[in-house]
N, C-alpha and C. Protein backbone atom coordinates (compact mmCIF):
# COMPACT_ATOMS: atom_id res chain seq x y z
N MET A 1 27.73 -36.82 -4.25
CA MET A 1 26.51 -36.45 -3.51
C MET A 1 26.83 -35.36 -2.50
N LEU A 2 27.92 -35.57 -1.76
CA LEU A 2 28.32 -34.60 -0.74
C LEU A 2 28.56 -33.23 -1.37
N ASN A 3 29.26 -33.26 -2.52
CA ASN A 3 29.55 -32.00 -3.20
C ASN A 3 28.26 -31.27 -3.59
N ARG A 4 27.29 -32.07 -4.07
CA ARG A 4 26.05 -31.45 -4.52
C ARG A 4 25.32 -30.78 -3.36
N VAL A 5 25.30 -31.48 -2.24
CA VAL A 5 24.63 -30.93 -1.05
C VAL A 5 25.30 -29.62 -0.65
N ASN A 6 26.63 -29.64 -0.63
CA ASN A 6 27.35 -28.41 -0.26
C ASN A 6 27.06 -27.29 -1.24
N PHE A 7 27.02 -27.67 -2.50
CA PHE A 7 26.76 -26.67 -3.54
C PHE A 7 25.37 -26.06 -3.35
N GLU A 8 24.39 -26.93 -3.07
CA GLU A 8 23.02 -26.44 -2.85
C GLU A 8 22.95 -25.52 -1.63
N ASP A 9 23.65 -25.94 -0.58
CA ASP A 9 23.67 -25.10 0.63
C ASP A 9 24.29 -23.74 0.33
N THR A 10 25.37 -23.79 -0.43
CA THR A 10 26.05 -22.54 -0.78
C THR A 10 25.12 -21.63 -1.57
N CYS A 11 24.43 -22.23 -2.54
CA CYS A 11 23.49 -21.44 -3.36
C CYS A 11 22.39 -20.85 -2.50
N LYS A 12 21.88 -21.70 -1.61
CA LYS A 12 20.80 -21.24 -0.73
C LYS A 12 21.29 -20.07 0.12
N GLY A 13 22.50 -20.24 0.64
CA GLY A 13 23.09 -19.17 1.47
C GLY A 13 23.26 -17.89 0.67
N PHE A 14 23.70 -18.06 -0.56
CA PHE A 14 23.92 -16.89 -1.43
C PHE A 14 22.59 -16.17 -1.70
N LEU A 15 21.54 -16.96 -1.96
CA LEU A 15 20.23 -16.36 -2.24
C LEU A 15 19.68 -15.63 -1.03
N GLU A 16 19.94 -16.21 0.16
CA GLU A 16 19.50 -15.55 1.39
C GLU A 16 20.20 -14.20 1.56
N VAL A 17 21.49 -14.20 1.27
CA VAL A 17 22.27 -12.95 1.37
C VAL A 17 21.74 -11.93 0.36
N ALA A 18 21.45 -12.41 -0.85
CA ALA A 18 20.93 -11.52 -1.90
C ALA A 18 19.59 -10.91 -1.47
N LYS A 19 18.75 -11.77 -0.89
CA LYS A 19 17.42 -11.31 -0.44
C LYS A 19 17.58 -10.25 0.66
N GLU A 20 18.48 -10.54 1.58
CA GLU A 20 18.73 -9.61 2.69
C GLU A 20 19.27 -8.28 2.16
N ALA A 21 20.14 -8.37 1.16
CA ALA A 21 20.72 -7.15 0.57
C ALA A 21 19.63 -6.29 -0.07
N VAL A 22 18.68 -6.95 -0.72
CA VAL A 22 17.56 -6.24 -1.34
C VAL A 22 16.77 -5.48 -0.27
N LEU A 23 16.45 -6.18 0.82
CA LEU A 23 15.67 -5.55 1.90
C LEU A 23 16.43 -4.40 2.54
N GLN A 24 17.74 -4.59 2.69
CA GLN A 24 18.57 -3.51 3.27
C GLN A 24 18.55 -2.28 2.38
N THR A 25 18.61 -2.52 1.07
CA THR A 25 18.61 -1.40 0.12
C THR A 25 17.29 -0.64 0.20
N VAL A 26 16.20 -1.38 0.32
CA VAL A 26 14.87 -0.75 0.46
C VAL A 26 14.86 0.11 1.73
N SER A 27 15.41 -0.44 2.82
CA SER A 27 15.46 0.31 4.09
C SER A 27 16.23 1.62 3.93
N VAL A 28 17.35 1.54 3.21
CA VAL A 28 18.18 2.73 3.01
C VAL A 28 17.36 3.82 2.30
N ILE A 29 16.60 3.42 1.30
CA ILE A 29 15.79 4.39 0.55
C ILE A 29 14.74 5.03 1.45
N PHE A 30 14.06 4.20 2.22
CA PHE A 30 12.97 4.74 3.05
C PHE A 30 13.48 5.48 4.29
N GLU A 31 14.77 5.31 4.57
CA GLU A 31 15.36 6.08 5.68
C GLU A 31 16.02 7.36 5.18
N ASP A 32 16.05 7.52 3.87
CA ASP A 32 16.59 8.75 3.28
C ASP A 32 15.77 9.93 3.81
N PRO A 33 16.42 10.94 4.39
CA PRO A 33 15.67 12.08 4.96
C PRO A 33 14.73 12.74 3.95
N GLY A 34 15.16 12.80 2.69
CA GLY A 34 14.30 13.40 1.65
C GLY A 34 13.03 12.60 1.44
N VAL A 35 13.18 11.27 1.43
CA VAL A 35 12.02 10.39 1.26
C VAL A 35 11.11 10.48 2.49
N GLN A 36 11.73 10.47 3.66
CA GLN A 36 10.93 10.57 4.89
C GLN A 36 10.16 11.88 4.95
N ASP A 37 10.81 12.93 4.50
CA ASP A 37 10.17 14.24 4.49
C ASP A 37 8.94 14.24 3.58
N LEU A 38 9.08 13.62 2.42
CA LEU A 38 7.95 13.53 1.49
C LEU A 38 6.82 12.68 2.07
N LEU A 39 7.20 11.54 2.62
CA LEU A 39 6.17 10.63 3.15
C LEU A 39 5.42 11.24 4.33
N ALA A 40 6.11 12.09 5.08
CA ALA A 40 5.45 12.75 6.22
C ALA A 40 4.35 13.70 5.74
N LYS A 41 4.43 14.09 4.47
CA LYS A 41 3.45 15.06 3.94
C LYS A 41 2.26 14.40 3.25
N VAL A 42 2.28 13.07 3.19
CA VAL A 42 1.16 12.37 2.54
C VAL A 42 -0.14 12.72 3.27
N TYR A 43 -1.16 13.07 2.49
CA TYR A 43 -2.48 13.50 2.99
C TYR A 43 -2.47 14.87 3.67
N GLN A 44 -1.35 15.60 3.51
CA GLN A 44 -1.30 16.98 4.00
C GLN A 44 -1.44 17.92 2.79
N LYS A 45 -1.26 19.23 3.04
CA LYS A 45 -1.50 20.22 1.98
C LYS A 45 -0.62 20.00 0.74
N ASP A 46 0.68 19.79 0.95
CA ASP A 46 1.59 19.59 -0.20
C ASP A 46 1.15 18.40 -1.04
N TRP A 47 0.68 17.39 -0.36
CA TRP A 47 0.20 16.19 -1.07
C TRP A 47 -1.01 16.54 -1.93
N MET A 48 -1.92 17.31 -1.36
CA MET A 48 -3.11 17.73 -2.10
C MET A 48 -2.72 18.54 -3.34
N ASP A 49 -1.62 19.28 -3.22
CA ASP A 49 -1.17 20.13 -4.34
C ASP A 49 -0.31 19.36 -5.35
N GLY A 50 -0.21 18.05 -5.17
CA GLY A 50 0.55 17.24 -6.13
C GLY A 50 2.05 17.35 -5.98
N MET A 51 2.49 17.65 -4.75
CA MET A 51 3.93 17.84 -4.55
C MET A 51 4.56 16.75 -3.68
N VAL A 52 3.90 15.61 -3.63
CA VAL A 52 4.47 14.52 -2.82
C VAL A 52 4.70 13.26 -3.66
N THR A 53 3.63 12.66 -4.13
CA THR A 53 3.78 11.37 -4.82
C THR A 53 4.63 11.50 -6.08
N GLU A 54 4.41 12.58 -6.83
CA GLU A 54 5.21 12.80 -8.04
C GLU A 54 6.69 12.95 -7.71
N TYR A 55 6.97 13.67 -6.63
CA TYR A 55 8.37 13.88 -6.22
C TYR A 55 8.96 12.58 -5.67
N LEU A 56 8.11 11.82 -5.00
CA LEU A 56 8.56 10.55 -4.43
C LEU A 56 9.02 9.59 -5.54
N VAL A 57 8.20 9.45 -6.59
CA VAL A 57 8.59 8.51 -7.65
C VAL A 57 9.82 9.03 -8.42
N ALA A 58 9.98 10.34 -8.47
CA ALA A 58 11.19 10.90 -9.11
C ALA A 58 12.43 10.50 -8.30
N THR A 59 12.30 10.54 -6.98
CA THR A 59 13.41 10.12 -6.10
C THR A 59 13.67 8.63 -6.28
N PHE A 60 12.59 7.85 -6.32
CA PHE A 60 12.74 6.41 -6.54
C PHE A 60 13.47 6.15 -7.87
N ALA A 61 13.10 6.91 -8.89
CA ALA A 61 13.70 6.72 -10.22
C ALA A 61 15.22 6.88 -10.14
N ASP A 62 15.67 7.87 -9.40
CA ASP A 62 17.13 8.07 -9.23
C ASP A 62 17.77 6.86 -8.57
N TYR A 63 17.15 6.42 -7.49
CA TYR A 63 17.68 5.25 -6.77
C TYR A 63 17.66 4.00 -7.65
N PHE A 64 16.54 3.81 -8.33
CA PHE A 64 16.39 2.59 -9.15
C PHE A 64 17.47 2.53 -10.23
N GLY A 65 17.75 3.69 -10.82
CA GLY A 65 18.79 3.75 -11.85
C GLY A 65 20.13 3.29 -11.32
N ASP A 66 20.45 3.71 -10.10
CA ASP A 66 21.72 3.30 -9.48
C ASP A 66 21.72 1.82 -9.12
N VAL A 67 20.64 1.39 -8.47
CA VAL A 67 20.57 0.00 -7.99
C VAL A 67 20.64 -0.98 -9.15
N LYS A 68 19.98 -0.63 -10.25
CA LYS A 68 19.92 -1.53 -11.41
C LYS A 68 21.31 -1.87 -11.96
N LEU A 69 22.23 -0.96 -11.76
CA LEU A 69 23.59 -1.19 -12.27
C LEU A 69 24.30 -2.30 -11.52
N TYR A 70 23.85 -2.56 -10.31
CA TYR A 70 24.63 -3.47 -9.45
C TYR A 70 23.99 -4.82 -9.16
N ILE A 71 22.71 -4.98 -9.49
CA ILE A 71 22.12 -6.30 -9.20
C ILE A 71 21.45 -6.89 -10.44
N GLU A 72 21.35 -8.22 -10.42
CA GLU A 72 20.77 -8.86 -11.61
C GLU A 72 19.25 -8.65 -11.63
N ASP A 73 18.67 -8.91 -12.80
CA ASP A 73 17.27 -8.55 -13.05
C ASP A 73 16.28 -9.09 -12.03
N ARG A 74 16.45 -10.36 -11.67
CA ARG A 74 15.46 -10.95 -10.76
C ARG A 74 15.49 -10.27 -9.39
N SER A 75 16.69 -10.02 -8.92
CA SER A 75 16.82 -9.32 -7.63
C SER A 75 16.30 -7.90 -7.74
N PHE A 76 16.52 -7.30 -8.90
CA PHE A 76 16.04 -5.92 -9.10
C PHE A 76 14.51 -5.88 -9.04
N ARG A 77 13.87 -6.86 -9.67
CA ARG A 77 12.40 -6.90 -9.63
C ARG A 77 11.90 -7.09 -8.20
N ARG A 78 12.60 -7.95 -7.47
CA ARG A 78 12.22 -8.16 -6.06
C ARG A 78 12.38 -6.86 -5.27
N PHE A 79 13.45 -6.16 -5.57
CA PHE A 79 13.73 -4.88 -4.92
C PHE A 79 12.60 -3.87 -5.23
N VAL A 80 12.21 -3.81 -6.50
CA VAL A 80 11.14 -2.89 -6.92
C VAL A 80 9.83 -3.23 -6.21
N GLU A 81 9.52 -4.53 -6.16
CA GLU A 81 8.27 -4.96 -5.51
C GLU A 81 8.29 -4.64 -4.02
N SER A 82 9.45 -4.79 -3.40
CA SER A 82 9.56 -4.45 -1.97
C SER A 82 9.36 -2.95 -1.75
N CYS A 83 9.90 -2.16 -2.66
CA CYS A 83 9.71 -0.70 -2.57
C CYS A 83 8.24 -0.33 -2.72
N LEU A 84 7.61 -0.97 -3.67
CA LEU A 84 6.18 -0.70 -3.90
C LEU A 84 5.37 -1.08 -2.67
N GLU A 85 5.67 -2.26 -2.16
CA GLU A 85 4.93 -2.74 -0.98
C GLU A 85 5.09 -1.78 0.20
N GLU A 86 6.31 -1.35 0.42
CA GLU A 86 6.58 -0.43 1.53
C GLU A 86 5.84 0.90 1.31
N THR A 87 5.82 1.36 0.07
CA THR A 87 5.12 2.61 -0.26
C THR A 87 3.63 2.49 0.06
N ILE A 88 3.05 1.38 -0.36
CA ILE A 88 1.61 1.16 -0.13
C ILE A 88 1.32 1.11 1.38
N VAL A 89 2.17 0.41 2.11
CA VAL A 89 1.99 0.31 3.57
C VAL A 89 1.99 1.70 4.20
N VAL A 90 2.95 2.52 3.79
CA VAL A 90 3.06 3.88 4.34
C VAL A 90 1.83 4.72 3.98
N TYR A 91 1.39 4.62 2.73
CA TYR A 91 0.22 5.40 2.30
C TYR A 91 -1.05 4.98 3.05
N VAL A 92 -1.22 3.68 3.22
CA VAL A 92 -2.40 3.19 3.95
C VAL A 92 -2.33 3.65 5.40
N ASP A 93 -1.16 3.50 5.98
CA ASP A 93 -0.94 3.89 7.36
C ASP A 93 -1.25 5.38 7.58
N HIS A 94 -0.76 6.21 6.66
CA HIS A 94 -0.99 7.65 6.77
C HIS A 94 -2.47 8.01 6.57
N LEU A 95 -3.10 7.30 5.67
CA LEU A 95 -4.54 7.56 5.44
C LEU A 95 -5.32 7.31 6.73
N LEU A 96 -4.98 6.22 7.41
CA LEU A 96 -5.74 5.84 8.59
C LEU A 96 -5.33 6.60 9.85
N SER A 97 -4.16 7.24 9.81
CA SER A 97 -3.72 7.94 11.02
C SER A 97 -3.85 9.46 10.91
N GLN A 98 -4.13 9.96 9.69
CA GLN A 98 -4.25 11.42 9.55
C GLN A 98 -5.60 11.89 10.10
N LYS A 99 -5.69 13.19 10.33
CA LYS A 99 -6.86 13.71 11.05
C LYS A 99 -7.80 14.55 10.16
N ASN A 100 -7.40 14.77 8.91
CA ASN A 100 -8.22 15.64 8.06
C ASN A 100 -9.44 14.90 7.51
N TYR A 101 -10.53 15.65 7.38
CA TYR A 101 -11.72 15.05 6.77
C TYR A 101 -11.43 14.68 5.32
N ILE A 102 -12.03 13.58 4.90
CA ILE A 102 -11.87 13.15 3.50
C ILE A 102 -12.93 13.86 2.67
N LYS A 103 -12.45 14.72 1.78
CA LYS A 103 -13.37 15.47 0.92
C LYS A 103 -13.26 14.94 -0.50
N GLU A 104 -14.04 15.56 -1.38
CA GLU A 104 -14.03 15.13 -2.78
C GLU A 104 -12.63 15.25 -3.40
N GLU A 105 -11.96 16.37 -3.07
CA GLU A 105 -10.62 16.58 -3.65
C GLU A 105 -9.60 15.59 -3.08
N THR A 106 -9.84 15.14 -1.84
CA THR A 106 -8.95 14.11 -1.25
C THR A 106 -9.07 12.83 -2.07
N VAL A 107 -10.30 12.47 -2.36
CA VAL A 107 -10.56 11.24 -3.11
C VAL A 107 -9.94 11.33 -4.51
N GLU A 108 -10.07 12.49 -5.13
CA GLU A 108 -9.49 12.69 -6.47
C GLU A 108 -7.97 12.58 -6.42
N ARG A 109 -7.38 13.15 -5.37
CA ARG A 109 -5.92 13.09 -5.23
C ARG A 109 -5.47 11.64 -4.99
N MET A 110 -6.27 10.90 -4.24
CA MET A 110 -5.95 9.48 -4.01
C MET A 110 -5.94 8.72 -5.34
N ARG A 111 -6.91 9.06 -6.18
CA ARG A 111 -7.00 8.40 -7.50
C ARG A 111 -5.76 8.73 -8.34
N LEU A 112 -5.34 9.99 -8.28
CA LEU A 112 -4.15 10.40 -9.03
C LEU A 112 -2.90 9.68 -8.51
N ASP A 113 -2.83 9.50 -7.20
CA ASP A 113 -1.71 8.75 -6.61
C ASP A 113 -1.61 7.35 -7.21
N GLU A 114 -2.76 6.71 -7.29
CA GLU A 114 -2.78 5.35 -7.86
C GLU A 114 -2.20 5.36 -9.27
N GLU A 115 -2.60 6.35 -10.05
CA GLU A 115 -2.11 6.45 -11.43
C GLU A 115 -0.60 6.67 -11.47
N VAL A 116 -0.14 7.60 -10.63
CA VAL A 116 1.29 7.93 -10.60
C VAL A 116 2.10 6.68 -10.20
N LEU A 117 1.65 5.99 -9.16
CA LEU A 117 2.37 4.80 -8.70
C LEU A 117 2.32 3.68 -9.74
N MET A 118 1.15 3.50 -10.33
CA MET A 118 1.00 2.47 -11.38
C MET A 118 1.95 2.76 -12.54
N ASP A 119 1.90 3.99 -13.03
CA ASP A 119 2.72 4.35 -14.20
C ASP A 119 4.20 4.16 -13.93
N PHE A 120 4.61 4.53 -12.73
CA PHE A 120 6.04 4.42 -12.41
C PHE A 120 6.47 2.97 -12.22
N PHE A 121 5.78 2.26 -11.36
CA PHE A 121 6.25 0.92 -11.00
C PHE A 121 6.11 -0.10 -12.13
N ARG A 122 5.12 0.09 -13.00
CA ARG A 122 4.97 -0.91 -14.05
C ARG A 122 6.08 -0.81 -15.10
N GLU A 123 6.84 0.26 -15.04
CA GLU A 123 8.02 0.34 -15.92
C GLU A 123 9.12 -0.61 -15.45
N HIS A 124 9.02 -1.03 -14.19
CA HIS A 124 10.11 -1.80 -13.60
C HIS A 124 9.75 -3.23 -13.22
N THR A 125 8.45 -3.53 -13.18
CA THR A 125 8.05 -4.90 -12.85
C THR A 125 6.70 -5.18 -13.52
N SER A 126 6.18 -6.39 -13.36
CA SER A 126 4.98 -6.77 -14.11
C SER A 126 3.75 -5.96 -13.68
N VAL A 127 2.94 -5.64 -14.67
CA VAL A 127 1.73 -4.84 -14.44
C VAL A 127 0.82 -5.52 -13.42
N THR A 128 0.71 -6.84 -13.53
CA THR A 128 -0.17 -7.59 -12.62
C THR A 128 0.26 -7.40 -11.17
N LYS A 129 1.56 -7.49 -10.94
CA LYS A 129 2.06 -7.34 -9.56
C LYS A 129 1.78 -5.93 -9.05
N VAL A 130 1.96 -4.96 -9.91
CA VAL A 130 1.71 -3.57 -9.50
C VAL A 130 0.22 -3.38 -9.21
N GLU A 131 -0.61 -3.89 -10.10
CA GLU A 131 -2.07 -3.76 -9.91
C GLU A 131 -2.51 -4.41 -8.60
N ASN A 132 -1.97 -5.59 -8.33
CA ASN A 132 -2.35 -6.29 -7.09
C ASN A 132 -1.97 -5.50 -5.85
N ARG A 133 -0.82 -4.85 -5.91
CA ARG A 133 -0.37 -4.07 -4.75
C ARG A 133 -1.16 -2.76 -4.60
N VAL A 134 -1.40 -2.12 -5.73
CA VAL A 134 -2.06 -0.79 -5.70
C VAL A 134 -3.56 -0.93 -5.43
N ARG A 135 -4.08 -2.12 -5.65
CA ARG A 135 -5.52 -2.34 -5.51
C ARG A 135 -6.07 -1.90 -4.15
N ILE A 136 -5.30 -2.12 -3.10
CA ILE A 136 -5.80 -1.76 -1.76
C ILE A 136 -6.02 -0.24 -1.66
N LEU A 137 -5.18 0.54 -2.34
CA LEU A 137 -5.39 1.99 -2.33
C LEU A 137 -6.71 2.34 -3.02
N ALA A 138 -6.96 1.67 -4.14
CA ALA A 138 -8.21 1.90 -4.87
C ALA A 138 -9.41 1.48 -4.02
N ASP A 139 -9.26 0.34 -3.35
CA ASP A 139 -10.35 -0.15 -2.49
C ASP A 139 -10.65 0.84 -1.36
N LEU A 140 -9.59 1.32 -0.73
CA LEU A 140 -9.78 2.25 0.39
C LEU A 140 -10.35 3.58 -0.11
N ARG A 141 -9.95 3.96 -1.31
CA ARG A 141 -10.50 5.20 -1.90
C ARG A 141 -12.01 5.03 -2.12
N GLU A 142 -12.39 3.87 -2.64
CA GLU A 142 -13.82 3.62 -2.86
C GLU A 142 -14.57 3.60 -1.53
N LEU A 143 -13.94 2.99 -0.55
CA LEU A 143 -14.55 2.93 0.78
C LEU A 143 -14.70 4.34 1.35
N ALA A 144 -13.66 5.14 1.13
CA ALA A 144 -13.66 6.51 1.67
C ALA A 144 -14.69 7.40 0.99
N SER A 145 -15.15 6.98 -0.19
CA SER A 145 -16.12 7.83 -0.90
C SER A 145 -17.49 7.16 -1.03
N ALA A 146 -17.68 6.04 -0.32
CA ALA A 146 -18.98 5.34 -0.38
C ALA A 146 -20.09 6.25 0.14
N GLU A 147 -21.25 6.12 -0.47
CA GLU A 147 -22.34 7.05 -0.15
C GLU A 147 -23.49 6.43 0.65
N SER A 148 -23.50 5.11 0.78
CA SER A 148 -24.63 4.50 1.49
C SER A 148 -24.16 3.27 2.25
N LEU A 149 -25.01 2.81 3.15
CA LEU A 149 -24.70 1.61 3.93
C LEU A 149 -24.40 0.44 3.00
N ASP A 150 -25.24 0.29 1.97
CA ASP A 150 -25.05 -0.82 1.03
C ASP A 150 -23.71 -0.75 0.32
N SER A 151 -23.34 0.47 -0.12
CA SER A 151 -22.07 0.55 -0.85
C SER A 151 -20.88 0.33 0.08
N PHE A 152 -20.97 0.79 1.32
CA PHE A 152 -19.90 0.51 2.30
C PHE A 152 -19.73 -0.99 2.48
N THR A 153 -20.84 -1.68 2.70
CA THR A 153 -20.74 -3.12 2.98
C THR A 153 -20.29 -3.90 1.75
N LEU A 154 -20.75 -3.48 0.58
CA LEU A 154 -20.35 -4.16 -0.65
C LEU A 154 -18.85 -4.01 -0.90
N ILE A 155 -18.37 -2.78 -0.76
CA ILE A 155 -16.94 -2.52 -1.00
C ILE A 155 -16.09 -3.26 0.03
N TYR A 156 -16.54 -3.23 1.28
CA TYR A 156 -15.78 -3.90 2.33
C TYR A 156 -15.74 -5.42 2.10
N THR A 157 -16.85 -5.97 1.66
CA THR A 157 -16.89 -7.41 1.34
C THR A 157 -15.89 -7.73 0.23
N ASN A 158 -15.84 -6.86 -0.78
CA ASN A 158 -14.88 -7.06 -1.88
C ASN A 158 -13.44 -6.99 -1.39
N ILE A 159 -13.19 -6.04 -0.49
CA ILE A 159 -11.82 -5.90 0.06
C ILE A 159 -11.41 -7.20 0.76
N LEU A 160 -12.32 -7.75 1.54
CA LEU A 160 -11.99 -8.96 2.31
C LEU A 160 -11.66 -10.15 1.41
N GLU A 161 -12.17 -10.12 0.19
CA GLU A 161 -11.88 -11.23 -0.72
C GLU A 161 -10.39 -11.32 -1.05
N HIS A 162 -9.75 -10.16 -1.23
CA HIS A 162 -8.31 -10.24 -1.54
C HIS A 162 -7.43 -9.65 -0.44
N GLN A 163 -8.07 -9.15 0.62
CA GLN A 163 -7.32 -8.61 1.76
C GLN A 163 -8.02 -9.09 3.04
N PRO A 164 -8.02 -10.42 3.26
CA PRO A 164 -8.84 -10.97 4.35
C PRO A 164 -8.48 -10.48 5.75
N ASP A 165 -7.30 -9.89 5.89
CA ASP A 165 -6.90 -9.43 7.23
C ASP A 165 -7.21 -7.95 7.45
N CYS A 166 -8.08 -7.37 6.60
CA CYS A 166 -8.43 -5.96 6.75
C CYS A 166 -9.56 -5.83 7.78
N PRO A 167 -9.25 -5.39 9.00
CA PRO A 167 -10.27 -5.40 10.06
C PRO A 167 -11.33 -4.32 9.86
N SER A 168 -12.46 -4.50 10.52
CA SER A 168 -13.56 -3.54 10.37
C SER A 168 -13.20 -2.17 10.95
N GLU A 169 -12.15 -2.12 11.78
CA GLU A 169 -11.71 -0.83 12.33
C GLU A 169 -11.29 0.14 11.22
N VAL A 170 -10.85 -0.43 10.10
CA VAL A 170 -10.47 0.41 8.95
C VAL A 170 -11.70 1.19 8.47
N VAL A 171 -12.82 0.48 8.39
CA VAL A 171 -14.07 1.13 7.97
C VAL A 171 -14.45 2.20 9.00
N GLU A 172 -14.34 1.82 10.26
CA GLU A 172 -14.69 2.75 11.35
C GLU A 172 -13.89 4.05 11.24
N LYS A 173 -12.60 3.88 10.97
CA LYS A 173 -11.72 5.04 10.86
C LYS A 173 -12.11 5.92 9.67
N LEU A 174 -12.37 5.28 8.53
CA LEU A 174 -12.71 6.05 7.33
C LEU A 174 -14.07 6.73 7.46
N VAL A 175 -15.00 6.05 8.10
CA VAL A 175 -16.33 6.66 8.32
C VAL A 175 -16.18 7.90 9.20
N ALA A 176 -15.31 7.80 10.20
CA ALA A 176 -15.10 8.93 11.12
C ALA A 176 -14.46 10.13 10.40
N LEU A 177 -13.73 9.85 9.32
CA LEU A 177 -13.07 10.93 8.58
C LEU A 177 -13.97 11.56 7.51
N ARG A 178 -15.17 11.04 7.42
CA ARG A 178 -16.10 11.56 6.41
C ARG A 178 -17.01 12.62 7.02
N GLU A 179 -17.14 13.71 6.30
CA GLU A 179 -18.08 14.75 6.74
C GLU A 179 -19.48 14.35 6.30
N GLY A 180 -20.43 14.74 7.08
CA GLY A 180 -21.82 14.61 6.62
C GLY A 180 -22.46 13.25 6.76
N ILE A 181 -21.79 12.30 7.41
CA ILE A 181 -22.47 11.02 7.65
C ILE A 181 -23.06 11.09 9.06
N PRO A 182 -24.38 11.04 9.16
CA PRO A 182 -25.01 11.12 10.49
C PRO A 182 -24.49 10.01 11.40
N ARG A 183 -24.40 10.32 12.67
CA ARG A 183 -23.81 9.38 13.63
C ARG A 183 -24.52 8.02 13.62
N LYS A 184 -25.85 8.07 13.55
CA LYS A 184 -26.63 6.82 13.57
C LYS A 184 -26.26 5.94 12.37
N GLU A 185 -26.16 6.58 11.21
CA GLU A 185 -25.82 5.85 9.99
C GLU A 185 -24.39 5.30 10.07
N ALA A 186 -23.50 6.13 10.59
CA ALA A 186 -22.10 5.71 10.73
C ALA A 186 -22.01 4.47 11.62
N LYS A 187 -22.79 4.49 12.69
CA LYS A 187 -22.81 3.37 13.63
C LYS A 187 -23.29 2.08 12.94
N GLU A 188 -24.32 2.24 12.12
CA GLU A 188 -24.86 1.09 11.37
C GLU A 188 -23.82 0.50 10.43
N VAL A 189 -23.13 1.40 9.72
CA VAL A 189 -22.09 0.96 8.77
C VAL A 189 -21.03 0.15 9.50
N VAL A 190 -20.55 0.71 10.61
CA VAL A 190 -19.47 0.05 11.37
C VAL A 190 -19.95 -1.31 11.90
N GLN A 191 -21.16 -1.33 12.44
CA GLN A 191 -21.70 -2.57 13.00
C GLN A 191 -21.84 -3.65 11.93
N GLU A 192 -22.39 -3.24 10.81
CA GLU A 192 -22.60 -4.17 9.68
C GLU A 192 -21.25 -4.73 9.20
N CYS A 193 -20.26 -3.85 9.07
CA CYS A 193 -18.94 -4.29 8.58
C CYS A 193 -18.24 -5.18 9.61
N LYS A 194 -18.49 -4.89 10.87
CA LYS A 194 -17.94 -5.73 11.95
C LYS A 194 -18.47 -7.16 11.80
N GLU A 195 -19.76 -7.25 11.55
CA GLU A 195 -20.37 -8.58 11.39
C GLU A 195 -19.83 -9.29 10.15
N ILE A 196 -19.67 -8.53 9.07
CA ILE A 196 -19.12 -9.11 7.84
C ILE A 196 -17.72 -9.67 8.12
N TYR A 197 -16.92 -8.89 8.84
CA TYR A 197 -15.54 -9.33 9.15
C TYR A 197 -15.57 -10.59 10.02
N GLU A 198 -16.39 -10.56 11.06
CA GLU A 198 -16.44 -11.71 11.98
C GLU A 198 -16.93 -12.97 11.25
N ASN A 199 -17.88 -12.78 10.35
CA ASN A 199 -18.38 -13.93 9.59
C ASN A 199 -17.37 -14.46 8.58
N SER A 200 -16.40 -13.61 8.23
CA SER A 200 -15.40 -14.04 7.24
C SER A 200 -14.26 -14.84 7.89
N LEU A 201 -14.20 -14.79 9.22
CA LEU A 201 -13.11 -15.48 9.92
C LEU A 201 -13.33 -16.99 9.91
N ILE A 202 -12.22 -17.69 9.79
CA ILE A 202 -12.27 -19.16 9.86
C ILE A 202 -11.49 -19.55 11.11
N ASP A 203 -12.19 -20.15 12.06
CA ASP A 203 -11.57 -20.49 13.36
C ASP A 203 -10.89 -19.29 14.00
N GLY A 204 -11.52 -18.14 13.85
CA GLY A 204 -10.99 -16.94 14.49
C GLY A 204 -9.85 -16.28 13.75
N ASN A 205 -9.50 -16.82 12.58
CA ASN A 205 -8.39 -16.23 11.79
C ASN A 205 -8.90 -15.68 10.46
N PRO A 206 -8.23 -14.61 9.97
CA PRO A 206 -8.64 -14.05 8.67
C PRO A 206 -8.45 -15.06 7.55
């Protein structure tokens, strides 16, 4: 019995180390100056010209090829998923912090990003996992191109179903980045989405 407990502890310890190693490897990639340089250009001119996301996945491909040689499949899949997650976080963050108006071509480029990321990551992990992660980009793209109060509220309600912690400030930010939405209408959209978010909370939590 004692031996088994020790063995289980050892295994658990080993898995923790493996998990930590995966996260460290992801950090190394995202701290790579070349990767940082590309990510800094997301939603800027180079990105619009298709010179960011495509180059980013090419860089990932190089790293993935190396990493795959050294870790077993399950850890590799976890590593891929962590990379995807980090990529999505950065893209969402940049979308909400950039200052350029969202135009038709911005929306089209966002759609192409989703395709590029989907095509690349599904080669390395399950399609379902990739779709689930990339979905928030598609949702935000739809939100960014919504044309009426009803479509804003409908899309935002859908987002909350699988992303319950998405605050109404996200809508506020995207509305502010849209050209041609009258202030009064923008205010209505934000107010309506605020109410939807507050009504979705359970005991004050998403």
